[in-house]
Protein backbone atom coordinates (compact mmCIF):
# COMPACT_ATOMS: atom_id res chain seq x y z
CA MET A 1 204.05 92.89 135.04
CA THR A 2 200.73 92.83 136.86
CA PRO A 3 200.30 90.70 139.97
CA LYS A 4 197.73 88.57 138.15
CA ILE A 5 200.17 87.73 135.30
CA HIS A 6 203.00 87.15 137.80
CA LYS A 7 200.78 84.70 139.74
CA LYS A 8 199.84 82.86 136.52
CA ILE A 9 203.51 82.53 135.49
CA ARG A 10 204.40 81.14 138.94
CA TYR A 11 201.51 78.66 138.65
CA ILE A 12 202.65 77.47 135.20
CA PHE A 13 206.27 77.19 136.39
CA LYS A 14 205.13 75.14 139.39
CA GLU A 15 203.08 72.80 137.19
CA VAL A 16 205.93 72.30 134.70
CA THR A 17 208.32 71.58 137.59
CA ILE A 18 205.94 68.98 139.03
CA VAL A 19 205.50 67.26 135.65
CA ALA A 20 209.28 67.25 135.08
CA ALA A 21 209.87 65.78 138.54
CA ILE A 22 207.30 63.03 137.98
CA PHE A 23 208.84 62.23 134.59
CA ALA A 24 212.34 62.04 136.12
CA ILE A 25 211.18 59.74 138.92
CA VAL A 26 209.34 57.41 136.54
CA PHE A 27 212.12 57.36 133.94
CA PHE A 28 215.16 57.06 136.18
CA GLY A 29 213.47 55.20 139.02
CA GLY A 30 211.85 52.75 136.61
CA ARG A 31 215.19 51.95 135.04
CA GLN A 32 216.71 51.30 138.46
CA VAL A 33 213.80 49.03 139.43
CA ASN A 34 214.05 47.14 136.13
CA SER A 35 217.81 46.73 136.58
CA TRP A 36 217.30 45.40 140.09
CA LEU A 37 214.61 42.98 138.90
CA GLY A 38 216.82 41.81 136.04
CA GLN A 39 219.81 41.17 138.30
CA LYS A 40 217.51 39.33 140.71
CA ALA A 41 216.13 37.10 137.92
CA LEU A 42 219.66 36.36 136.67
CA THR A 43 220.83 35.43 140.17
CA GLU A 44 217.74 33.34 140.92
CA THR A 45 218.38 31.06 137.94
CA GLY A 46 220.96 29.33 140.11
CA ILE A 47 223.22 28.98 137.07
CA ALA A 48 226.89 29.69 137.71
CA PHE A 49 227.27 32.25 134.92
CA GLN A 50 230.87 33.27 134.34
CA SER A 51 232.51 36.02 132.37
CA TYR A 52 233.07 35.29 128.68
CA GLU A 53 236.83 34.91 129.11
CA ALA A 54 236.57 32.62 132.15
CA ALA A 55 233.92 30.48 130.46
CA VAL A 56 236.00 30.02 127.30
CA GLU A 57 239.04 29.06 129.37
CA GLN A 58 237.05 26.55 131.46
CA ALA A 59 235.33 25.18 128.35
CA ILE A 60 238.68 24.47 126.67
CA GLU A 61 239.86 22.65 129.80
CA SER A 62 236.64 20.67 130.22
CA GLY A 63 235.92 19.95 126.56
CA LYS A 64 232.42 21.40 126.89
CA PRO A 65 230.93 24.09 124.64
CA VAL A 66 230.05 27.52 126.03
CA LEU A 67 226.42 28.57 126.40
CA LEU A 68 226.53 32.35 125.96
CA GLU A 69 223.59 34.36 127.21
CA PHE A 70 223.55 37.94 125.89
CA GLY A 71 221.28 40.32 127.75
CA ALA A 72 220.78 43.44 129.81
CA VAL A 73 219.61 43.62 133.41
CA TRP A 74 216.95 46.21 132.48
CA CYS A 75 215.57 44.07 129.62
CA GLY A 76 212.10 42.67 130.31
CA SER A 77 212.46 39.82 127.80
CA CYS A 78 215.81 38.87 129.36
CA ARG A 79 214.12 38.70 132.77
CA LYS A 80 211.41 36.53 131.28
CA LEU A 81 213.97 34.16 129.74
CA ASN A 82 215.80 33.85 133.04
CA SER A 83 212.75 33.42 135.25
CA GLN A 84 210.73 31.12 132.95
CA VAL A 85 213.40 29.13 131.14
CA MET A 86 216.81 29.31 132.78
CA ALA A 87 215.37 28.84 136.28
CA ASP A 88 213.63 25.60 135.20
CA GLU A 89 215.33 22.71 137.04
CA ARG A 90 215.63 20.57 133.90
CA VAL A 91 217.22 23.44 131.96
CA LYS A 92 219.65 24.20 134.80
CA GLN A 93 220.65 20.55 134.99
CA LYS A 94 221.22 20.23 131.25
CA ILE A 95 223.29 23.40 131.19
CA HIS A 96 225.31 22.26 134.21
CA ASP A 97 225.97 18.81 132.71
CA ASN A 98 226.75 19.85 129.14
CA TYR A 99 227.94 23.47 128.99
CA VAL A 100 230.00 26.17 130.60
CA ALA A 101 227.63 29.10 131.03
CA ALA A 102 228.54 32.74 130.47
CA HIS A 103 226.43 35.87 130.72
CA VAL A 104 227.45 38.79 128.52
CA GLU A 105 225.93 41.99 129.92
CA TRP A 106 225.00 44.97 127.74
CA THR A 107 225.50 47.44 130.59
CA ASN A 108 229.06 46.23 131.18
CA GLU A 109 231.43 48.27 129.00
CA GLU A 110 233.98 45.46 129.04
CA ASP A 111 231.43 43.17 127.33
CA GLN A 112 230.73 45.53 124.42
CA PRO A 113 233.45 44.04 122.16
CA ILE A 114 231.88 40.59 122.67
CA PHE A 115 228.49 41.91 121.52
CA GLN A 116 230.21 43.38 118.46
CA HIS A 117 232.25 40.25 117.72
CA PHE A 118 229.14 38.08 117.57
CA GLY A 119 226.98 40.73 115.87
CA ILE A 120 224.45 40.85 118.70
CA GLN A 121 222.07 43.75 118.14
CA SER A 122 219.11 42.66 120.22
CA PHE A 123 218.56 40.51 123.26
CA PRO A 124 218.05 38.12 124.79
CA GLN A 125 220.26 35.99 122.56
CA ILE A 126 221.72 32.56 123.27
CA LEU A 127 224.72 31.17 121.40
CA ILE A 128 226.43 27.82 121.71
CA LEU A 129 230.15 28.33 121.13
CA ASP A 130 232.84 25.78 120.36
CA PRO A 131 235.78 27.31 122.25
CA ASN A 132 238.36 25.46 120.18
CA THR A 133 237.19 26.47 116.72
CA GLY A 134 235.30 29.68 117.50
CA SER A 135 232.30 28.39 115.55
CA TYR A 136 228.90 29.00 117.08
CA ARG A 137 225.19 28.59 116.50
CA ARG A 138 222.35 30.83 117.55
CA ILE A 139 219.51 29.36 119.55
CA PRO A 140 216.10 30.80 118.61
CA THR A 141 214.62 32.73 121.52
CA THR A 142 211.87 30.82 123.26
CA PHE A 143 210.20 31.25 126.62
CA ASP A 144 209.13 27.59 126.73
CA PRO A 145 211.51 25.41 128.79
CA GLU A 146 210.56 22.25 126.86
CA GLN A 147 211.36 23.85 123.53
CA PHE A 148 214.58 25.36 124.90
CA LEU A 149 215.72 21.92 126.09
CA GLU A 150 215.25 20.57 122.58
CA LEU A 151 217.15 23.47 121.05
CA ILE A 152 220.22 23.15 123.23
């Protein structure tokens, strides 16, 4: 192999390595940033989300239905729902007064059977569950707090 060809191969290898590194940083780093932002939006709602099991138990004791929020911390639409709708003071108050809130997280392996049980294939999804009968209704996804208040 001539020195000129060897130099060209090293140059191509270096360029491919740089492109692969940039791709890895954007792909994996972006997912981490999105997950962090999603967890932050969920926390900043101020809603005391519980696990599915704990919410059902508390709902049976209190006589309230369960408001189930299905989502993923890396999901942009889920972040939008939490920051624009769930964080609204009127929405928080209505949920607090009338429901037991649960968040079912896609990235949590323990929650996967709950996604399957309710046939959730996309998110965000909101369900209102009667813990005594198991019947539920889906709430159409909206990013308007006024409309959400009417729906729940």
